[in-house]
């Protein structure tokens, strides 16, 4: 006779076990919520959300809909990027009165490229307890499926919208050996991909992770030189939130940059940035676009 019934999934038993755990009062609970698929919620998160006195959230409409899916109804506190300081004081007052408050974002783990960090800092400064309930994270999900063999990663988040500021940030990341993780909105994906190509050159690999955990999830790996072509193959690729991962700098990249700067220092004394980059590419064998960005940064430092 089959013994499967002895080990069958039993959510009721798990919920009973959860009740035996400690959930102290006067605590701010940081609760990760799904990034797309509503089934990606932990049993502990569901139990805690049913237990708390209120939920502080980025968008009350989104969170109300999410809670309704799980049969939950809780008082909601709007806690977004425009009112974090103000709402932090209110949350602290309620925690000091002994309440349990959950903090969620619209999707994923709060305070990671989402509102929440200011609130957490204020609560900790007030000497109150903060407890995280781990769960979905777009950055970690994409990294786990990237296939990049690297023990290190560097989370950048969203790049600046202005081209000059964005290029400056990317220049500062050229020699980082860790895999670089970015978030990007669909309306900027083509522009940002071009900026990444200009900064890092065409040989580095990029991972496009789009609409993670959703119906049209797509994870694609290619070189930066192939990225624009892949994006152009399907107009739907300009829709949906992206995680982008760039593989880290190779071990000899630092030496390459030192040599590039040595050659460019000489050339820039006589030539324009464009001319110096083109000639330096012939001398060093490095990518002209990357050398142009280095030369441009060097010129700006002089001014």
C-alpha atoms as a PDB file:
ATOM      1  CA  UNK A   1       0.000   0.000   0.000  1.00  0.00           C
ATOM      2  CA  UNK A   2       1.239   3.481  -0.845  1.00  0.00           C
ATOM      3  CA  UNK A   3       2.602   5.547   2.011  1.00  0.00           C
ATOM      4  CA  UNK A   4       2.196   8.865   0.131  1.00  0.00           C
ATOM      5  CA  UNK A   5      -0.588  10.030   2.449  1.00  0.00           C
ATOM      6  CA  UNK A   6       1.875  10.048   5.367  1.00  0.00           C
ATOM      7  CA  UNK A   7       4.063  12.695   3.735  1.00  0.00           C
ATOM      8  CA  UNK A   8       1.428  14.687   1.819  1.00  0.00           C
ATOM      9  CA  UNK A   9       1.612  18.464   1.974  1.00  0.00           C
ATOM     10  CA  UNK A  10      -0.415  19.611   4.965  1.00  0.00           C
ATOM     11  CA  UNK A  11      -0.690  23.402   5.175  1.00  0.00           C
ATOM     12  CA  UNK A  12      -2.910  23.219   8.253  1.00  0.00           C
ATOM     13  CA  UNK A  13      -0.165  21.451  10.205  1.00  0.00           C
ATOM     14  CA  UNK A  14       2.370  24.014   9.056  1.00  0.00           C
ATOM     15  CA  UNK A  15       0.147  26.893  10.145  1.00  0.00           C
ATOM     16  CA  UNK A  16      -0.234  25.226  13.540  1.00  0.00           C
ATOM     17  CA  UNK A  17       3.549  25.047  13.796  1.00  0.00           C
ATOM     18  CA  UNK A  18       3.786  28.734  12.886  1.00  0.00           C
ATOM     19  CA  UNK A  19       1.561  29.613  15.839  1.00  0.00           C
ATOM     20  CA  UNK A  20       4.198  28.188  18.160  1.00  0.00           C
ATOM     21  CA  UNK A  21       6.783  30.683  16.913  1.00  0.00           C
ATOM     22  CA  UNK A  22       7.366  34.006  18.630  1.00  0.00           C
ATOM     23  CA  UNK A  23       6.069  37.207  17.036  1.00  0.00           C
ATOM     24  CA  UNK A  24       6.912  39.943  19.574  1.00  0.00           C
ATOM     25  CA  UNK A  25       4.790  43.051  19.969  1.00  0.00           C
ATOM     26  CA  UNK A  26       6.289  46.496  19.348  1.00  0.00           C
ATOM     27  CA  UNK A  27       8.058  45.139  16.267  1.00  0.00           C
ATOM     28  CA  UNK A  28       8.275  46.320  12.669  1.00  0.00           C
ATOM     29  CA  UNK A  29       8.166  43.256  10.396  1.00  0.00           C
ATOM     30  CA  UNK A  30       9.749  43.596   6.936  1.00  0.00           C
ATOM     31  CA  UNK A  31       7.689  41.271   4.743  1.00  0.00           C
ATOM     32  CA  UNK A  32       8.726  40.229   1.236  1.00  0.00           C
ATOM     33  CA  UNK A  33       5.795  39.822  -1.155  1.00  0.00           C
ATOM     34  CA  UNK A  34       5.619  38.198  -4.632  1.00  0.00           C
ATOM     35  CA  UNK A  35       7.282  39.909  -7.591  1.00  0.00           C
ATOM     36  CA  UNK A  36       4.656  38.579  -9.990  1.00  0.00           C
ATOM     37  CA  UNK A  37       3.255  35.164  -9.188  1.00  0.00           C
ATOM     38  CA  UNK A  38       0.961  35.499  -6.167  1.00  0.00           C
ATOM     39  CA  UNK A  39       1.778  31.906  -5.130  1.00  0.00           C
ATOM     40  CA  UNK A  40       5.304  33.056  -4.214  1.00  0.00           C
ATOM     41  CA  UNK A  41       4.303  34.090  -0.694  1.00  0.00           C
ATOM     42  CA  UNK A  42       5.647  32.264   2.319  1.00  0.00           C
ATOM     43  CA  UNK A  43       3.362  30.612   4.863  1.00  0.00           C
ATOM     44  CA  UNK A  44       5.130  32.610   7.558  1.00  0.00           C
ATOM     45  CA  UNK A  45       4.367  35.856   5.713  1.00  0.00           C
ATOM     46  CA  UNK A  46       0.694  34.940   5.444  1.00  0.00           C
ATOM     47  CA  UNK A  47       0.538  34.100   9.125  1.00  0.00           C
ATOM     48  CA  UNK A  48       2.279  37.320  10.113  1.00  0.00           C
ATOM     49  CA  UNK A  49       0.118  39.494   7.843  1.00  0.00           C
ATOM     50  CA  UNK A  50      -2.942  38.002   9.529  1.00  0.00           C
ATOM     51  CA  UNK A  51      -1.427  38.752  12.939  1.00  0.00           C
ATOM     52  CA  UNK A  52      -0.287  42.379  12.588  1.00  0.00           C
ATOM     53  CA  UNK A  53      -2.290  45.436  13.616  1.00  0.00           C
ATOM     54  CA  UNK A  54      -1.609  47.288  10.344  1.00  0.00           C
ATOM     55  CA  UNK A  55       0.367  47.061   7.098  1.00  0.00           C
ATOM     56  CA  UNK A  56       2.531  49.959   5.907  1.00  0.00           C
ATOM     57  CA  UNK A  57       2.686  49.781   2.115  1.00  0.00           C
ATOM     58  CA  UNK A  58       3.929  51.588  -0.978  1.00  0.00           C
ATOM     59  CA  UNK A  59       0.527  51.691  -2.691  1.00  0.00           C
ATOM     60  CA  UNK A  60      -2.589  50.967  -0.637  1.00  0.00           C
ATOM     61  CA  UNK A  61      -4.574  49.883  -3.712  1.00  0.00           C
ATOM     62  CA  UNK A  62      -2.013  47.267  -4.766  1.00  0.00           C
ATOM     63  CA  UNK A  63      -1.579  45.921  -1.252  1.00  0.00           C
ATOM     64  CA  UNK A  64      -5.330  45.782  -0.635  1.00  0.00           C
ATOM     65  CA  UNK A  65      -5.716  43.662  -3.775  1.00  0.00           C
ATOM     66  CA  UNK A  66      -2.836  41.402  -2.715  1.00  0.00           C
ATOM     67  CA  UNK A  67      -4.240  40.846   0.752  1.00  0.00           C
ATOM     68  CA  UNK A  68      -7.688  40.138  -0.696  1.00  0.00           C
ATOM     69  CA  UNK A  69      -6.217  37.303  -2.787  1.00  0.00           C
ATOM     70  CA  UNK A  70      -5.171  35.639   0.454  1.00  0.00           C
ATOM     71  CA  UNK A  71      -8.455  36.377   2.223  1.00  0.00           C
ATOM     72  CA  UNK A  72      -6.853  39.002   4.467  1.00  0.00           C
ATOM     73  CA  UNK A  73      -8.079  42.467   5.397  1.00  0.00           C
ATOM     74  CA  UNK A  74      -5.934  44.837   7.435  1.00  0.00           C
ATOM     75  CA  UNK A  75      -5.741  48.597   8.073  1.00  0.00           C
ATOM     76  CA  UNK A  76      -3.269  50.065   5.592  1.00  0.00           C
ATOM     77  CA  UNK A  77      -0.767  52.887   6.084  1.00  0.00           C
ATOM     78  CA  UNK A  78       0.508  54.640   2.927  1.00  0.00           C
ATOM     79  CA  UNK A  79       4.314  54.622   3.145  1.00  0.00           C
ATOM     80  CA  UNK A  80       5.893  55.791  -0.113  1.00  0.00           C
ATOM     81  CA  UNK A  81       8.974  57.765  -1.140  1.00  0.00           C
ATOM     82  CA  UNK A  82       7.252  61.131  -0.647  1.00  0.00           C
ATOM     83  CA  UNK A  83       6.150  60.631   2.958  1.00  0.00           C
ATOM     84  CA  UNK A  84       8.643  58.232   4.567  1.00  0.00           C
ATOM     85  CA  UNK A  85       9.876  60.677   7.225  1.00  0.00           C
ATOM     86  CA  UNK A  86       6.348  61.666   8.214  1.00  0.00           C
ATOM     87  CA  UNK A  87       4.957  58.125   8.298  1.00  0.00           C
ATOM     88  CA  UNK A  88       8.004  56.824  10.179  1.00  0.00           C
ATOM     89  CA  UNK A  89       7.022  58.976  13.161  1.00  0.00           C
ATOM     90  CA  UNK A  90       3.480  57.565  13.084  1.00  0.00           C
ATOM     91  CA  UNK A  91       4.729  53.998  12.860  1.00  0.00           C
ATOM     92  CA  UNK A  92       7.136  54.545  15.763  1.00  0.00           C
ATOM     93  CA  UNK A  93       4.285  55.893  17.895  1.00  0.00           C
ATOM     94  CA  UNK A  94       2.176  52.824  17.175  1.00  0.00           C
ATOM     95  CA  UNK A  95       5.076  50.451  17.840  1.00  0.00           C
ATOM     96  CA  UNK A  96       5.750  52.176  21.147  1.00  0.00           C
ATOM     97  CA  UNK A  97       2.110  51.489  22.038  1.00  0.00           C
ATOM     98  CA  UNK A  98       2.853  47.781  21.561  1.00  0.00           C
ATOM     99  CA  UNK A  99       1.490  47.171  18.077  1.00  0.00           C
ATOM    100  CA  UNK A 100       2.913  44.883  15.423  1.00  0.00           C
ATOM    101  CA  UNK A 101       3.315  46.624  12.040  1.00  0.00           C
ATOM    102  CA  UNK A 102       4.222  44.945   8.746  1.00  0.00           C
ATOM    103  CA  UNK A 103       6.112  46.866   6.062  1.00  0.00           C
ATOM    104  CA  UNK A 104       5.688  45.755   2.434  1.00  0.00           C
ATOM    105  CA  UNK A 105       6.479  47.217  -0.986  1.00  0.00           C
ATOM    106  CA  UNK A 106       4.483  46.783  -4.186  1.00  0.00           C
ATOM    107  CA  UNK A 107       6.570  43.705  -5.025  1.00  0.00           C
ATOM    108  CA  UNK A 108       9.541  41.863  -3.614  1.00  0.00           C
ATOM    109  CA  UNK A 109      11.652  42.808  -0.613  1.00  0.00           C
ATOM    110  CA  UNK A 110      11.046  46.291   0.858  1.00  0.00           C
ATOM    111  CA  UNK A 111      13.845  48.870   1.137  1.00  0.00           C
ATOM    112  CA  UNK A 112      15.794  47.399  -1.824  1.00  0.00           C
ATOM    113  CA  UNK A 113      15.348  49.974  -4.612  1.00  0.00           C
ATOM    114  CA  UNK A 114      11.915  50.518  -3.040  1.00  0.00           C
ATOM    115  CA  UNK A 115      10.697  52.724  -0.176  1.00  0.00           C
ATOM    116  CA  UNK A 116      11.300  51.489   3.353  1.00  0.00           C
ATOM    117  CA  UNK A 117      14.928  52.129   4.270  1.00  0.00           C
ATOM    118  CA  UNK A 118      14.175  55.511   5.874  1.00  0.00           C
ATOM    119  CA  UNK A 119      11.401  53.968   7.970  1.00  0.00           C
ATOM    120  CA  UNK A 120      13.597  51.058   9.069  1.00  0.00           C
ATOM    121  CA  UNK A 121      16.405  53.443  10.007  1.00  0.00           C
ATOM    122  CA  UNK A 122      14.042  55.643  12.041  1.00  0.00           C
ATOM    123  CA  UNK A 123      12.564  52.638  13.868  1.00  0.00           C
ATOM    124  CA  UNK A 124      16.013  51.298  14.722  1.00  0.00           C
ATOM    125  CA  UNK A 125      17.180  54.737  15.848  1.00  0.00           C
ATOM    126  CA  UNK A 126      14.190  54.843  18.188  1.00  0.00           C
ATOM    127  CA  UNK A 127      15.459  51.646  19.794  1.00  0.00           C
ATOM    128  CA  UNK A 128      12.639  49.470  18.500  1.00  0.00           C
ATOM    129  CA  UNK A 129      12.837  46.002  17.020  1.00  0.00           C
ATOM    130  CA  UNK A 130      12.908  45.236  13.277  1.00  0.00           C
ATOM    131  CA  UNK A 131      12.439  41.669  12.065  1.00  0.00           C
ATOM    132  CA  UNK A 132      12.698  40.513   8.413  1.00  0.00           C
ATOM    133  CA  UNK A 133      10.581  37.808   6.788  1.00  0.00           C
ATOM    134  CA  UNK A 134      12.585  36.769   3.706  1.00  0.00           C
ATOM    135  CA  UNK A 135      11.014  36.001   0.365  1.00  0.00           C
ATOM    136  CA  UNK A 136      10.941  37.053  -3.260  1.00  0.00           C
ATOM    137  CA  UNK A 137      13.675  39.282  -4.687  1.00  0.00           C
ATOM    138  CA  UNK A 138      13.957  40.082  -8.391  1.00  0.00           C
ATOM    139  CA  UNK A 139      17.729  40.622  -8.164  1.00  0.00           C
ATOM    140  CA  UNK A 140      18.484  37.295  -6.483  1.00  0.00           C
ATOM    141  CA  UNK A 141      16.011  35.401  -8.666  1.00  0.00           C
ATOM    142  CA  UNK A 142      17.676  36.705 -11.834  1.00  0.00           C
ATOM    143  CA  UNK A 143      21.172  36.034 -10.494  1.00  0.00           C
ATOM    144  CA  UNK A 144      20.291  32.438  -9.620  1.00  0.00           C
ATOM    145  CA  UNK A 145      19.187  31.800 -13.219  1.00  0.00           C
ATOM    146  CA  UNK A 146      22.034  33.720 -14.884  1.00  0.00           C
ATOM    147  CA  UNK A 147      24.608  30.938 -15.043  1.00  0.00           C
ATOM    148  CA  UNK A 148      27.375  33.431 -14.278  1.00  0.00           C
ATOM    149  CA  UNK A 149      29.977  31.603 -12.215  1.00  0.00           C
ATOM    150  CA  UNK A 150      31.017  34.278  -9.757  1.00  0.00           C
ATOM    151  CA  UNK A 151      30.865  34.234  -5.971  1.00  0.00           C
ATOM    152  CA  UNK A 152      30.456  38.011  -5.845  1.00  0.00           C
ATOM    153  CA  UNK A 153      27.693  40.334  -6.974  1.00  0.00           C
ATOM    154  CA  UNK A 154      27.256  44.102  -6.778  1.00  0.00           C
ATOM    155  CA  UNK A 155      23.693  45.420  -6.622  1.00  0.00           C
ATOM    156  CA  UNK A 156      23.448  48.778  -8.426  1.00  0.00           C
ATOM    157  CA  UNK A 157      19.672  49.134  -8.758  1.00  0.00           C
ATOM    158  CA  UNK A 158      18.307  51.778 -11.130  1.00  0.00           C
ATOM    159  CA  UNK A 159      20.799  53.871 -13.095  1.00  0.00           C
ATOM    160  CA  UNK A 160      20.341  57.680 -13.187  1.00  0.00           C
ATOM    161  CA  UNK A 161      17.951  58.890 -15.888  1.00  0.00           C
ATOM    162  CA  UNK A 162      20.309  61.623 -17.116  1.00  0.00           C
ATOM    163  CA  UNK A 163      22.902  60.377 -19.601  1.00  0.00           C
ATOM    164  CA  UNK A 164      25.874  62.182 -18.064  1.00  0.00           C
ATOM    165  CA  UNK A 165      25.188  60.918 -14.550  1.00  0.00           C
ATOM    166  CA  UNK A 166      24.509  57.413 -15.849  1.00  0.00           C
ATOM    167  CA  UNK A 167      27.782  57.295 -17.795  1.00  0.00           C
ATOM    168  CA  UNK A 168      29.663  58.510 -14.729  1.00  0.00           C
ATOM    169  CA  UNK A 169      28.202  55.692 -12.621  1.00  0.00           C
ATOM    170  CA  UNK A 170      29.089  53.110 -15.268  1.00  0.00           C
ATOM    171  CA  UNK A 171      32.670  54.370 -15.489  1.00  0.00           C
ATOM    172  CA  UNK A 172      33.016  53.790 -11.786  1.00  0.00           C
ATOM    173  CA  UNK A 173      31.953  50.163 -12.270  1.00  0.00           C
ATOM    174  CA  UNK A 174      34.301  49.221 -15.109  1.00  0.00           C
ATOM    175  CA  UNK A 175      36.857  47.455 -12.918  1.00  0.00           C
ATOM    176  CA  UNK A 176      34.458  45.815 -10.453  1.00  0.00           C
ATOM    177  CA  UNK A 177      35.077  42.030 -10.631  1.00  0.00           C
ATOM    178  CA  UNK A 178      31.639  41.150  -9.218  1.00  0.00           C
ATOM    179  CA  UNK A 179      28.583  40.489 -11.375  1.00  0.00           C
ATOM    180  CA  UNK A 180      26.700  43.794 -11.682  1.00  0.00           C
ATOM    181  CA  UNK A 181      22.935  43.798 -11.101  1.00  0.00           C
ATOM    182  CA  UNK A 182      20.740  46.599 -12.426  1.00  0.00           C
ATOM    183  CA  UNK A 183      17.005  47.271 -12.456  1.00  0.00           C
ATOM    184  CA  UNK A 184      15.504  49.000 -15.498  1.00  0.00           C
ATOM    185  CA  UNK A 185      12.116  50.219 -16.640  1.00  0.00           C
ATOM    186  CA  UNK A 186      10.852  49.086 -20.069  1.00  0.00           C
ATOM    187  CA  UNK A 187      10.753  52.577 -21.606  1.00  0.00           C
ATOM    188  CA  UNK A 188      14.507  52.982 -20.946  1.00  0.00           C
ATOM    189  CA  UNK A 189      15.722  49.491 -21.781  1.00  0.00           C
ATOM    190  CA  UNK A 190      17.080  50.295 -25.271  1.00  0.00           C
ATOM    191  CA  UNK A 191      18.825  53.488 -24.170  1.00  0.00           C
ATOM    192  CA  UNK A 192      20.336  51.845 -21.097  1.00  0.00           C
ATOM    193  CA  UNK A 193      21.519  48.799 -23.041  1.00  0.00           C
ATOM    194  CA  UNK A 194      23.332  51.099 -25.471  1.00  0.00           C
ATOM    195  CA  UNK A 195      24.940  52.918 -22.532  1.00  0.00           C
ATOM    196  CA  UNK A 196      26.113  49.584 -21.114  1.00  0.00           C
ATOM    197  CA  UNK A 197      27.609  48.651 -24.479  1.00  0.00           C
ATOM    198  CA  UNK A 198      29.401  51.993 -24.737  1.00  0.00           C
ATOM    199  CA  UNK A 199      30.819  51.637 -21.249  1.00  0.00           C
ATOM    200  CA  UNK A 200      31.755  47.956 -21.055  1.00  0.00           C
ATOM    201  CA  UNK A 201      32.356  47.073 -24.703  1.00  0.00           C
ATOM    202  CA  UNK A 202      30.750  44.288 -26.690  1.00  0.00           C
ATOM    203  CA  UNK A 203      32.513  41.233 -25.251  1.00  0.00           C
ATOM    204  CA  UNK A 204      31.010  41.138 -21.779  1.00  0.00           C
ATOM    205  CA  UNK A 205      27.920  38.999 -21.305  1.00  0.00           C
ATOM    206  CA  UNK A 206      24.572  40.450 -20.264  1.00  0.00           C
ATOM    207  CA  UNK A 207      21.552  38.672 -18.822  1.00  0.00           C
ATOM    208  CA  UNK A 208      18.106  40.097 -19.584  1.00  0.00           C
ATOM    209  CA  UNK A 209      15.570  38.882 -17.030  1.00  0.00           C
ATOM    210  CA  UNK A 210      12.121  40.218 -17.940  1.00  0.00           C
ATOM    211  CA  UNK A 211       8.767  39.734 -16.197  1.00  0.00           C
ATOM    212  CA  UNK A 212      10.214  37.278 -13.679  1.00  0.00           C
ATOM    213  CA  UNK A 213       7.698  34.712 -12.310  1.00  0.00           C
ATOM    214  CA  UNK A 214       4.962  36.069 -14.613  1.00  0.00           C
ATOM    215  CA  UNK A 215       3.251  34.471 -17.612  1.00  0.00           C
ATOM    216  CA  UNK A 216       5.654  35.956 -20.180  1.00  0.00           C
ATOM    217  CA  UNK A 217       8.861  35.491 -18.174  1.00  0.00           C
ATOM    218  CA  UNK A 218      11.951  35.668 -20.367  1.00  0.00           C
ATOM    219  CA  UNK A 219      15.593  35.167 -19.385  1.00  0.00           C
ATOM    220  CA  UNK A 220      18.177  35.619 -22.120  1.00  0.00           C
ATOM    221  CA  UNK A 221      21.982  35.658 -22.046  1.00  0.00           C
ATOM    222  CA  UNK A 222      24.158  37.098 -24.794  1.00  0.00           C
ATOM    223  CA  UNK A 223      27.123  39.440 -25.287  1.00  0.00           C
ATOM    224  CA  UNK A 224      26.560  43.173 -25.135  1.00  0.00           C
ATOM    225  CA  UNK A 225      27.379  43.365 -28.851  1.00  0.00           C
ATOM    226  CA  UNK A 226      24.356  41.102 -29.522  1.00  0.00           C
ATOM    227  CA  UNK A 227      22.000  42.797 -27.059  1.00  0.00           C
ATOM    228  CA  UNK A 228      20.461  45.454 -29.308  1.00  0.00           C
ATOM    229  CA  UNK A 229      19.652  42.883 -31.988  1.00  0.00           C
ATOM    230  CA  UNK A 230      17.928  40.635 -29.460  1.00  0.00           C
ATOM    231  CA  UNK A 231      15.819  43.509 -28.131  1.00  0.00           C
ATOM    232  CA  UNK A 232      14.793  44.528 -31.653  1.00  0.00           C
ATOM    233  CA  UNK A 233      13.608  41.008 -32.572  1.00  0.00           C
ATOM    234  CA  UNK A 234      10.397  41.338 -30.558  1.00  0.00           C
ATOM    235  CA  UNK A 235       8.508  44.557 -29.778  1.00  0.00           C
ATOM    236  CA  UNK A 236       7.191  42.949 -26.571  1.00  0.00           C
ATOM    237  CA  UNK A 237      10.717  43.186 -25.178  1.00  0.00           C
ATOM    238  CA  UNK A 238      10.148  46.903 -24.635  1.00  0.00           C
ATOM    239  CA  UNK A 239       7.480  45.964 -22.083  1.00  0.00           C
ATOM    240  CA  UNK A 240       7.808  44.636 -18.557  1.00  0.00           C
ATOM    241  CA  UNK A 241      10.246  45.313 -15.734  1.00  0.00           C
ATOM    242  CA  UNK A 242      13.842  44.191 -16.256  1.00  0.00           C
ATOM    243  CA  UNK A 243      16.708  42.906 -14.181  1.00  0.00           C
ATOM    244  CA  UNK A 244      19.985  43.271 -16.083  1.00  0.00           C
ATOM    245  CA  UNK A 245      23.166  41.472 -15.041  1.00  0.00           C
ATOM    246  CA  UNK A 246      26.592  42.282 -16.502  1.00  0.00           C
ATOM    247  CA  UNK A 247      29.439  39.884 -15.865  1.00  0.00           C
ATOM    248  CA  UNK A 248      32.264  41.315 -13.789  1.00  0.00           C
ATOM    249  CA  UNK A 249      35.593  42.642 -15.017  1.00  0.00           C
ATOM    250  CA  UNK A 250      38.247  40.070 -15.866  1.00  0.00           C
ATOM    251  CA  UNK A 251      41.395  39.907 -13.760  1.00  0.00           C
ATOM    252  CA  UNK A 252      43.480  41.750 -16.345  1.00  0.00           C
ATOM    253  CA  UNK A 253      41.017  44.614 -16.800  1.00  0.00           C
ATOM    254  CA  UNK A 254      42.814  46.800 -14.269  1.00  0.00           C
ATOM    255  CA  UNK A 255      46.078  46.515 -16.209  1.00  0.00           C
ATOM    256  CA  UNK A 256      44.217  47.242 -19.449  1.00  0.00           C
ATOM    257  CA  UNK A 257      42.736  50.435 -18.025  1.00  0.00           C
ATOM    258  CA  UNK A 258      46.103  51.624 -16.700  1.00  0.00           C
ATOM    259  CA  UNK A 259      47.623  51.106 -20.142  1.00  0.00           C
ATOM    260  CA  UNK A 260      44.658  52.820 -21.803  1.00  0.00           C
ATOM    261  CA  UNK A 261      44.977  55.868 -19.533  1.00  0.00           C
ATOM    262  CA  UNK A 262      48.753  56.031 -20.130  1.00  0.00           C
ATOM    263  CA  UNK A 263      48.273  56.074 -23.896  1.00  0.00           C
ATOM    264  CA  UNK A 264      45.313  58.462 -23.761  1.00  0.00           C
ATOM    265  CA  UNK A 265      47.179  60.908 -21.542  1.00  0.00           C
ATOM    266  CA  UNK A 266      49.755  61.295 -24.294  1.00  0.00           C
ATOM    267  CA  UNK A 267      47.257  61.464 -27.148  1.00  0.00           C
ATOM    268  CA  UNK A 268      44.815  63.887 -25.494  1.00  0.00           C
ATOM    269  CA  UNK A 269      47.504  66.532 -25.278  1.00  0.00           C
ATOM    270  CA  UNK A 270      47.360  66.818 -29.078  1.00  0.00           C
ATOM    271  CA  UNK A 271      44.090  65.260 -30.246  1.00  0.00           C
ATOM    272  CA  UNK A 272      40.343  65.479 -29.617  1.00  0.00           C
ATOM    273  CA  UNK A 273      38.647  62.866 -27.450  1.00  0.00           C
ATOM    274  CA  UNK A 274      37.270  61.075 -30.513  1.00  0.00           C
ATOM    275  CA  UNK A 275      40.603  61.043 -32.336  1.00  0.00           C
ATOM    276  CA  UNK A 276      42.528  59.979 -29.237  1.00  0.00           C
ATOM    277  CA  UNK A 277      40.137  57.089 -28.587  1.00  0.00           C
ATOM    278  CA  UNK A 278      40.356  55.879 -32.192  1.00  0.00           C
ATOM    279  CA  UNK A 279      44.173  55.944 -32.204  1.00  0.00           C
ATOM    280  CA  UNK A 280      44.396  54.393 -28.722  1.00  0.00           C
ATOM    281  CA  UNK A 281      42.215  51.517 -29.955  1.00  0.00           C
ATOM    282  CA  UNK A 282      44.730  50.816 -32.714  1.00  0.00           C
ATOM    283  CA  UNK A 283      47.651  50.986 -30.278  1.00  0.00           C
ATOM    284  CA  UNK A 284      46.213  48.933 -27.413  1.00  0.00           C
ATOM    285  CA  UNK A 285      43.771  46.647 -29.218  1.00  0.00           C
ATOM    286  CA  UNK A 286      41.026  47.661 -26.793  1.00  0.00           C
ATOM    287  CA  UNK A 287      37.474  48.626 -27.774  1.00  0.00           C
ATOM    288  CA  UNK A 288      37.118  52.140 -29.182  1.00  0.00           C
ATOM    289  CA  UNK A 289      33.802  52.844 -27.416  1.00  0.00           C
ATOM    290  CA  UNK A 290      35.242  51.939 -24.020  1.00  0.00           C
ATOM    291  CA  UNK A 291      38.353  54.035 -24.687  1.00  0.00           C
ATOM    292  CA  UNK A 292      36.175  56.958 -25.745  1.00  0.00           C
ATOM    293  CA  UNK A 293      34.332  56.852 -22.405  1.00  0.00           C
ATOM    294  CA  UNK A 294      37.634  56.734 -20.497  1.00  0.00           C
ATOM    295  CA  UNK A 295      39.041  59.621 -22.541  1.00  0.00           C
ATOM    296  CA  UNK A 296      35.862  61.647 -22.023  1.00  0.00           C
ATOM    297  CA  UNK A 297      36.051  61.122 -18.259  1.00  0.00           C
ATOM    298  CA  UNK A 298      39.735  62.106 -18.246  1.00  0.00           C
ATOM    299  CA  UNK A 299      38.958  65.284 -20.180  1.00  0.00           C
ATOM    300  CA  UNK A 300      36.124  66.209 -17.827  1.00  0.00           C
ATOM    301  CA  UNK A 301      38.424  65.765 -14.806  1.00  0.00           C
ATOM    302  CA  UNK A 302      40.805  68.321 -16.318  1.00  0.00           C
ATOM    303  CA  UNK A 303      38.077  70.935 -16.739  1.00  0.00           C
END
